[in-house]
Protein backbone atom coordinates (compact mmCIF):
# COMPACT_ATOMS: atom_id res chain seq x y z
CA MET A 1 107.19 115.87 1.79
CA ALA A 2 107.04 116.67 5.63
CA VAL A 3 107.77 114.12 8.01
CA ALA A 4 106.95 114.48 12.08
CA PHE A 5 107.28 112.25 15.55
CA VAL A 6 104.55 112.06 18.00
CA GLY A 7 105.71 109.88 21.45
CA LEU A 8 106.17 110.28 24.80
CA PRO A 9 108.79 112.07 26.04
CA GLY A 10 112.18 109.83 25.87
CA ALA A 11 109.91 107.84 22.38
CA GLY A 12 113.67 108.48 20.15
CA LYS A 13 111.76 111.19 17.82
CA SER A 14 114.63 113.65 18.32
CA ALA A 15 117.51 110.23 17.63
CA VAL A 16 115.35 108.95 14.87
CA GLY A 17 114.09 111.95 13.20
CA ARG A 18 117.60 112.80 13.03
CA ARG A 19 118.83 109.62 11.23
CA LEU A 20 115.60 109.74 9.24
CA GLY A 21 115.84 113.02 7.66
CA GLN A 22 119.61 112.33 7.37
CA ARG A 23 119.21 108.85 5.22
CA LEU A 24 116.33 110.99 3.40
CA GLN A 25 118.45 114.08 2.73
CA LEU A 26 115.44 116.26 4.60
CA PRO A 27 116.21 118.83 7.41
CA PHE A 28 115.17 118.11 10.18
CA VAL A 29 113.89 120.49 13.38
CA ASP A 30 113.15 119.83 16.54
CA THR A 31 109.91 122.15 18.27
CA ASP A 32 112.30 121.82 21.90
CA GLN A 33 115.22 123.85 19.69
CA VAL A 34 112.91 125.57 17.76
CA ILE A 35 111.02 127.02 21.22
CA GLU A 36 114.36 127.04 23.32
CA HIS A 37 115.92 129.89 20.53
CA ARG A 38 112.90 131.68 20.75
CA ILE A 39 112.55 131.96 24.25
CA GLY A 40 116.34 132.48 25.09
CA CYS A 41 116.29 129.68 28.21
CA SER A 42 116.00 126.23 27.59
CA ILE A 43 112.94 124.89 28.20
CA ARG A 44 113.01 123.76 32.14
CA GLU A 45 113.87 127.50 32.90
CA PHE A 46 110.96 128.45 31.27
CA PHE A 47 108.46 125.85 32.94
CA ASP A 48 109.43 127.09 36.29
CA ARG A 49 109.04 130.64 35.91
CA GLU A 50 106.57 131.18 33.62
CA GLY A 51 104.77 127.73 33.74
CA GLU A 52 103.32 125.12 31.59
CA VAL A 53 100.21 126.47 29.52
CA ALA A 54 102.66 129.88 28.48
CA PHE A 55 105.00 127.06 27.08
CA ARG A 56 101.69 125.25 25.10
CA ASP A 57 101.40 128.71 24.38
CA ILE A 58 104.58 129.08 23.14
CA GLU A 59 104.77 125.05 21.27
CA GLN A 60 101.03 126.28 19.13
CA GLN A 61 102.68 128.55 17.57
CA ALA A 62 106.07 127.28 17.01
CA ILE A 63 104.80 124.60 15.38
CA ALA A 64 101.86 126.57 13.53
CA ASP A 65 105.04 128.49 11.83
CA LEU A 66 106.97 125.57 11.27
CA ALA A 67 103.58 123.45 9.51
CA SER A 68 103.27 126.71 7.31
CA ASN A 69 106.34 125.78 5.24
CA ALA A 70 106.17 121.84 6.06
CA HIS A 71 109.36 120.37 4.59
CA GLY A 72 111.83 117.82 6.25
CA VAL A 73 111.58 116.18 9.56
CA LEU A 74 110.55 117.43 12.62
CA ALA A 75 110.50 116.17 15.76
CA THR A 76 107.77 117.05 18.49
CA GLY A 77 107.89 117.91 22.52
CA GLY A 78 106.06 115.06 23.59
CA GLY A 79 102.79 116.98 25.32
CA ALA A 80 102.29 118.63 21.49
CA VAL A 81 99.41 116.27 21.54
CA LEU A 82 98.13 118.06 24.26
CA ARG A 83 96.14 121.24 22.08
CA GLU A 84 93.77 120.60 19.22
CA ALA A 85 95.20 122.95 17.09
CA ASN A 86 98.58 121.20 17.18
CA ARG A 87 97.40 117.76 16.43
CA THR A 88 94.95 118.80 13.64
CA GLN A 89 98.28 121.14 12.41
CA LEU A 90 99.96 117.81 12.44
CA ARG A 91 97.75 115.84 11.08
CA ASP A 92 97.01 118.15 8.19
CA HIS A 93 100.66 119.01 6.86
CA PHE A 94 102.77 116.52 7.95
CA HIS A 95 102.82 112.58 7.30
CA VAL A 96 102.96 111.69 10.82
CA ILE A 97 104.61 108.54 12.87
CA TYR A 98 103.62 107.76 16.96
CA LEU A 99 107.04 106.45 18.25
CA ARG A 100 104.75 103.80 20.53
CA SER A 101 106.72 103.17 24.15
CA SER A 102 105.68 101.26 26.86
CA PRO A 103 106.13 103.51 30.36
CA GLU A 104 108.76 100.89 31.35
CA ASP A 105 110.86 100.90 28.05
CA LEU A 106 111.07 105.03 28.45
CA PHE A 107 111.42 104.54 32.57
CA ARG A 108 114.63 102.37 31.63
CA ARG A 109 115.97 105.15 28.93
CA LEU A 110 115.30 107.99 31.18
CA ARG A 111 115.66 107.20 35.23
CA HIS A 112 118.82 109.63 34.53
CA ASP A 113 117.61 112.31 32.24
CA VAL A 114 117.13 115.87 34.76
CA LYS A 115 115.94 117.95 31.64
CA ARG A 116 112.85 116.84 31.52
CA PRO A 117 110.69 119.43 33.36
CA LEU A 118 107.54 116.60 33.42
CA LEU A 119 109.75 113.77 35.13
CA GLN A 120 111.05 115.56 38.13
CA VAL A 121 108.93 114.13 40.59
CA ALA A 122 109.78 111.69 43.58
CA ASP A 123 108.32 108.72 41.28
CA PRO A 124 109.03 108.90 37.72
CA LEU A 125 107.66 106.43 36.33
CA GLY A 126 104.10 106.35 37.32
CA ARG A 127 104.72 109.73 36.15
CA LEU A 128 105.22 108.25 33.01
CA ARG A 129 102.21 105.77 33.55
CA GLU A 130 100.27 108.86 33.88
CA LEU A 131 101.04 110.05 30.38
CA HIS A 132 101.14 107.47 28.99
CA ASP A 133 97.31 107.04 29.90
CA ALA A 134 96.81 110.15 28.91
CA ARG A 135 98.33 110.83 25.94
CA ASP A 136 98.14 107.93 24.10
CA PRO A 137 94.28 108.05 22.56
CA LEU A 138 95.52 111.80 21.28
CA TYR A 139 98.93 110.76 19.92
CA ARG A 140 97.13 107.16 18.27
CA ASP A 141 94.40 110.19 16.82
CA THR A 142 96.93 112.22 15.77
CA ALA A 143 99.45 109.47 13.50
CA HIS A 144 98.97 108.62 9.98
CA ASP A 145 101.31 105.23 11.08
CA VAL A 146 102.26 103.66 14.82
CA VAL A 147 105.96 102.46 15.17
CA ASP A 148 106.52 100.37 18.15
CA THR A 149 110.10 101.24 19.33
CA GLY A 150 111.09 98.25 22.26
CA ARG A 151 114.05 97.73 22.00
CA PRO A 152 115.04 98.81 18.61
CA SER A 153 118.51 100.63 17.22
CA VAL A 154 117.68 103.61 15.85
CA ALA A 155 119.08 102.32 12.27
CA MET A 156 116.64 99.36 12.38
CA LEU A 157 113.45 101.97 13.92
CA VAL A 158 114.87 103.57 10.14
CA ASN A 159 114.29 100.88 8.31
CA ILE A 160 110.72 99.99 9.58
CA ILE A 161 109.92 103.86 9.03
CA VAL A 162 111.45 104.36 5.62
CA MET A 163 109.62 100.40 4.98
CA GLN A 164 106.19 102.61 5.73
CA LEU A 165 106.56 105.55 4.11
CA GLU A 166 107.58 103.87 0.94
CA LEU A 167 104.30 101.40 1.06
CA ALA A 168 101.81 104.73 1.87
CA GLY A 169 103.17 105.65 -1.36
CA ILE A 170 105.35 109.20 0.65
CA VAL A 171 109.16 107.63 -0.13
CA ILE A 172 109.99 106.09 -3.30
CA PRO A 173 111.71 103.02 -2.78
CA GLU A 174 115.61 103.33 -3.59
CA PRO A 175 115.99 100.82 -6.51
CA GLN A 176 117.94 97.96 -5.90
CA PRO A 177 121.21 96.46 -7.26
CA GLN A 178 120.19 94.08 -9.79
CA ILE A 179 122.43 90.81 -9.24
CA ALA A 180 123.52 89.13 -12.93
CA PRO A 181 122.30 85.69 -12.99
CA PRO A 182 125.04 82.83 -13.13
CA LEU A 183 126.44 82.29 -16.66
């Protein structure tokens, strides 16, 4: 089984993905960690030094490699859907879940984060709104399911996702304990 998460930066792809992997006893992979391992530095350093196009080339190769042996739970970078090749690889090899968050919710979560290169701008909320407007259709096009993150905890989101995967026939429901009838 292979599940991939897409969504804007800060939507919870890594946190929810890691917890879902634990719950389903599946390996968890974060494409950002795979990429950082390959490039030998942080994504932000690479982005600053080489630019977005060079980063997207490496990201595309990493996703293609992961799709060729798709198993487990994958968290993608927020911009992974910008390339059609990535959308196709994800859609064809994973059950894709779009963790949808409003720009305002994301801003509350990310306002002190300095690791995300696309948000190091004068107006990060405005930037999140731009990213949402540009990428929301791409996330929807790629995803098999959409889960609104809103305010639920990571544990609650994982429960919602497991139920969706059960309804889709991707995960076999856990047997419920039988309660003996009263005598």
